[in-house]
């Protein structure tokens, strides 16, 4: 009898205990990028000017391979001059270009990757709201981006640095770009939206979406 009474008492306590609300996971934009080994960073080995010259060499070389310029093009002549200057500085130009191109391939690969474990999580993340859909003066859908000017300038942020947000109720945005906190349920999914720009429309690709439950102005 005593044991039965104890069990009933415990169940009564559990029944009366308040259910704890789910606490959103606070994210930064770095949390949206999968972790991996360090990427080869040539900036640590070259001066800023040398790195820019290497970028130009790689770009001109890519155009040559695609047949966009020939051996007598002024850009080709410019590339010879750049390569000569870097070699005079004691640099292995061919090796550096190969490393630079490999790094760009790895960056593009990582930019397309997402963090699968965030799927279904209740999250809270800050960013700038770029409105997509309006109801009068209120915003219903927007892209959340990490910095002012994203998507307006070229190129757009990678897909793992853009979040498509659909609100459960309209939000009166004060300006085109407004820093906010958004809380909601995150989905890991590819979303493509047409964005109106000054010189026409462009498709942008987000790697995540959020069903927005709460939106708050960001306070510095």
Protein backbone atom coordinates (compact mmCIF):
# COMPACT_ATOMS: atom_id res chain seq x y z
CA UNK A 1 0.00 0.00 0.00
CA UNK A 2 2.82 2.40 0.91
CA UNK A 3 4.55 1.71 -2.39
CA UNK A 4 1.35 2.30 -4.34
CA UNK A 5 0.79 5.55 -2.45
CA UNK A 6 4.35 6.68 -3.29
CA UNK A 7 3.87 5.97 -6.99
CA UNK A 8 0.58 7.87 -7.04
CA UNK A 9 2.22 10.81 -5.25
CA UNK A 10 5.06 10.97 -7.79
CA UNK A 11 2.63 10.83 -10.70
CA UNK A 12 0.58 13.62 -9.13
CA UNK A 13 3.68 15.80 -8.79
CA UNK A 14 4.66 15.16 -12.41
CA UNK A 15 1.13 15.91 -13.58
CA UNK A 16 1.10 19.24 -11.76
CA UNK A 17 4.63 20.28 -12.83
CA UNK A 18 4.61 23.04 -15.45
CA UNK A 19 5.70 22.07 -18.96
CA UNK A 20 8.88 23.92 -19.84
CA UNK A 21 8.72 25.95 -23.04
CA UNK A 22 11.25 25.05 -25.74
CA UNK A 23 14.15 27.48 -25.62
CA UNK A 24 15.35 28.64 -29.06
CA UNK A 25 18.97 27.96 -29.98
CA UNK A 26 20.72 31.29 -30.58
CA UNK A 27 22.76 31.18 -33.78
CA UNK A 28 25.37 33.28 -35.49
CA UNK A 29 25.97 33.11 -39.23
CA UNK A 30 29.04 30.95 -38.62
CA UNK A 31 26.73 28.25 -37.25
CA UNK A 32 25.19 27.92 -40.74
CA UNK A 33 28.53 26.90 -42.30
CA UNK A 34 29.64 23.26 -41.95
CA UNK A 35 32.93 22.81 -40.14
CA UNK A 36 35.90 21.44 -42.05
CA UNK A 37 39.68 21.52 -42.25
CA UNK A 38 41.28 24.97 -42.70
CA UNK A 39 41.29 26.30 -46.24
CA UNK A 40 44.65 27.13 -47.81
CA UNK A 41 45.06 30.89 -47.29
CA UNK A 42 47.61 32.45 -49.62
CA UNK A 43 47.05 35.85 -48.04
CA UNK A 44 49.27 34.74 -45.17
CA UNK A 45 52.16 34.20 -47.59
CA UNK A 46 51.73 37.12 -49.99
CA UNK A 47 51.47 40.86 -49.69
CA UNK A 48 48.05 42.38 -50.51
CA UNK A 49 49.37 43.59 -53.90
CA UNK A 50 50.86 40.19 -54.72
CA UNK A 51 47.60 38.45 -53.87
CA UNK A 52 45.63 40.80 -56.14
CA UNK A 53 48.13 40.18 -58.95
CA UNK A 54 47.77 36.42 -58.45
CA UNK A 55 43.99 36.74 -58.68
CA UNK A 56 44.35 38.68 -61.94
CA UNK A 57 46.71 36.05 -63.34
CA UNK A 58 44.29 33.26 -62.45
CA UNK A 59 41.38 35.15 -64.03
CA UNK A 60 43.27 35.84 -67.26
CA UNK A 61 44.45 32.23 -67.40
CA UNK A 62 40.87 31.00 -67.07
CA UNK A 63 39.77 33.26 -69.94
CA UNK A 64 42.60 31.86 -72.11
CA UNK A 65 41.51 28.28 -71.43
CA UNK A 66 37.94 29.16 -72.37
CA UNK A 67 39.11 30.77 -75.62
CA UNK A 68 37.83 34.19 -74.59
CA UNK A 69 41.20 35.86 -75.26
CA UNK A 70 44.17 34.89 -77.43
CA UNK A 71 47.95 35.18 -77.13
CA UNK A 72 48.06 38.70 -78.61
CA UNK A 73 45.31 40.13 -76.42
CA UNK A 74 46.40 43.06 -74.20
CA UNK A 75 45.28 41.07 -71.14
CA UNK A 76 47.69 38.29 -72.09
CA UNK A 77 50.53 40.77 -72.34
CA UNK A 78 49.54 42.18 -68.96
CA UNK A 79 49.60 38.66 -67.49
CA UNK A 80 53.18 38.16 -68.72
CA UNK A 81 54.21 41.34 -66.96
CA UNK A 82 52.51 40.33 -63.72
CA UNK A 83 54.06 36.86 -63.76
CA UNK A 84 57.50 38.30 -64.47
CA UNK A 85 57.21 40.67 -61.50
CA UNK A 86 56.13 37.90 -59.13
CA UNK A 87 58.95 35.63 -60.28
CA UNK A 88 61.46 38.43 -59.72
CA UNK A 89 60.18 38.50 -56.12
CA UNK A 90 61.19 34.85 -55.80
CA UNK A 91 57.71 33.35 -56.06
CA UNK A 92 56.75 30.09 -57.80
CA UNK A 93 53.94 31.53 -59.91
CA UNK A 94 52.70 28.27 -61.43
CA UNK A 95 52.44 26.57 -58.04
CA UNK A 96 50.68 29.55 -56.49
CA UNK A 97 48.11 29.71 -59.29
CA UNK A 98 47.41 26.00 -58.92
CA UNK A 99 46.91 26.41 -55.18
CA UNK A 100 44.69 29.46 -55.71
CA UNK A 101 42.44 27.63 -58.18
CA UNK A 102 42.16 24.60 -55.86
CA UNK A 103 41.18 26.91 -53.01
CA UNK A 104 38.45 28.54 -55.11
CA UNK A 105 37.01 25.12 -55.96
CA UNK A 106 36.94 24.20 -52.25
CA UNK A 107 35.31 27.52 -51.31
CA UNK A 108 32.56 27.05 -53.90
CA UNK A 109 32.01 23.51 -52.63
CA UNK A 110 31.68 24.63 -49.01
CA UNK A 111 29.46 27.58 -49.95
CA UNK A 112 26.91 25.08 -51.27
CA UNK A 113 26.90 22.98 -48.08
CA UNK A 114 24.48 23.33 -45.17
CA UNK A 115 24.34 22.11 -41.57
CA UNK A 116 21.82 19.27 -41.63
CA UNK A 117 21.47 19.03 -37.83
CA UNK A 118 19.75 22.46 -37.80
CA UNK A 119 16.73 20.99 -39.59
CA UNK A 120 13.64 21.25 -37.39
CA UNK A 121 15.38 23.26 -34.68
CA UNK A 122 13.79 26.25 -32.96
CA UNK A 123 16.35 29.03 -33.50
CA UNK A 124 16.95 32.71 -32.95
CA UNK A 125 19.29 34.53 -35.33
CA UNK A 126 20.08 38.18 -36.10
CA UNK A 127 20.40 39.64 -39.58
CA UNK A 128 19.09 42.15 -42.09
CA UNK A 129 15.65 41.77 -43.62
CA UNK A 130 15.38 42.13 -47.39
CA UNK A 131 11.59 42.15 -48.10
CA UNK A 132 10.17 39.94 -50.86
CA UNK A 133 6.39 39.98 -50.32
CA UNK A 134 4.27 42.85 -49.00
CA UNK A 135 0.72 43.22 -47.75
CA UNK A 136 0.23 46.94 -48.08
CA UNK A 137 3.15 48.32 -46.09
CA UNK A 138 3.71 45.15 -44.07
CA UNK A 139 6.23 42.44 -44.91
CA UNK A 140 5.14 38.81 -45.19
CA UNK A 141 8.25 37.19 -46.69
CA UNK A 142 11.87 38.26 -46.73
CA UNK A 143 15.44 37.09 -47.08
CA UNK A 144 17.52 37.25 -43.94
CA UNK A 145 21.11 38.13 -44.83
CA UNK A 146 24.22 38.70 -42.69
CA UNK A 147 25.22 42.19 -43.83
CA UNK A 148 23.81 45.37 -45.34
CA UNK A 149 23.84 45.38 -49.14
CA UNK A 150 23.74 41.60 -49.58
CA UNK A 151 21.99 40.60 -52.84
CA UNK A 152 21.92 44.22 -53.99
CA UNK A 153 25.61 43.93 -54.80
CA UNK A 154 27.21 41.22 -56.93
CA UNK A 155 27.92 38.47 -56.12
CA UNK A 156 25.18 37.48 -53.70
CA UNK A 157 26.10 35.67 -50.47
CA UNK A 158 26.44 31.87 -50.74
CA UNK A 159 23.29 29.84 -50.13
CA UNK A 160 24.39 28.87 -46.61
CA UNK A 161 24.49 32.57 -45.75
CA UNK A 162 20.89 33.33 -46.76
CA UNK A 163 17.69 32.33 -44.98
CA UNK A 164 14.22 32.59 -46.51
CA UNK A 165 11.73 33.72 -43.86
CA UNK A 166 7.96 33.35 -44.04
CA UNK A 167 6.15 35.13 -41.19
CA UNK A 168 3.07 33.82 -39.42
CA UNK A 169 1.85 37.42 -39.30
CA UNK A 170 2.82 40.53 -41.24
CA UNK A 171 5.58 42.80 -39.94
CA UNK A 172 5.77 46.54 -40.60
CA UNK A 173 9.35 47.09 -41.73
CA UNK A 174 10.73 50.58 -41.19
CA UNK A 175 13.26 50.44 -44.04
CA UNK A 176 14.48 48.25 -46.89
CA UNK A 177 17.29 46.89 -44.77
CA UNK A 178 16.46 46.64 -41.09
CA UNK A 179 18.52 44.74 -38.49
CA UNK A 180 16.30 42.29 -36.63
CA UNK A 181 16.18 39.17 -34.51
CA UNK A 182 14.03 36.40 -35.97
CA UNK A 183 12.83 33.42 -33.95
CA UNK A 184 11.26 30.42 -35.60
CA UNK A 185 11.48 26.83 -36.76
CA UNK A 186 14.35 26.28 -39.19
CA UNK A 187 14.26 23.97 -42.18
CA UNK A 188 17.28 22.88 -44.17
CA UNK A 189 16.01 23.24 -47.73
CA UNK A 190 16.92 25.00 -50.96
CA UNK A 191 14.69 27.97 -51.76
CA UNK A 192 14.98 30.07 -54.93
CA UNK A 193 13.41 33.51 -55.04
CA UNK A 194 13.30 36.22 -57.69
CA UNK A 195 14.64 39.48 -56.30
CA UNK A 196 13.87 42.83 -57.90
CA UNK A 197 16.98 44.94 -58.45
CA UNK A 198 17.58 48.36 -59.96
CA UNK A 199 18.66 46.81 -63.29
CA UNK A 200 16.12 43.96 -63.35
CA UNK A 201 15.32 40.73 -61.54
CA UNK A 202 17.74 38.05 -60.37
CA UNK A 203 17.25 34.63 -58.81
CA UNK A 204 18.84 34.16 -55.39
CA UNK A 205 19.25 30.84 -53.61
CA UNK A 206 18.87 30.27 -49.87
CA UNK A 207 19.96 27.06 -48.16
CA UNK A 208 17.64 27.49 -45.19
CA UNK A 209 14.14 28.68 -44.40
CA UNK A 210 12.43 29.75 -41.19
CA UNK A 211 8.76 29.84 -40.28
CA UNK A 212 8.95 33.07 -38.33
CA UNK A 213 7.22 33.00 -34.95
CA UNK A 214 8.62 36.23 -33.52
CA UNK A 215 10.47 39.19 -35.02
CA UNK A 216 12.15 41.91 -32.96
CA UNK A 217 14.23 44.98 -33.83
CA UNK A 218 17.92 44.37 -33.30
CA UNK A 219 19.39 46.41 -30.46
CA UNK A 220 23.09 47.18 -30.59
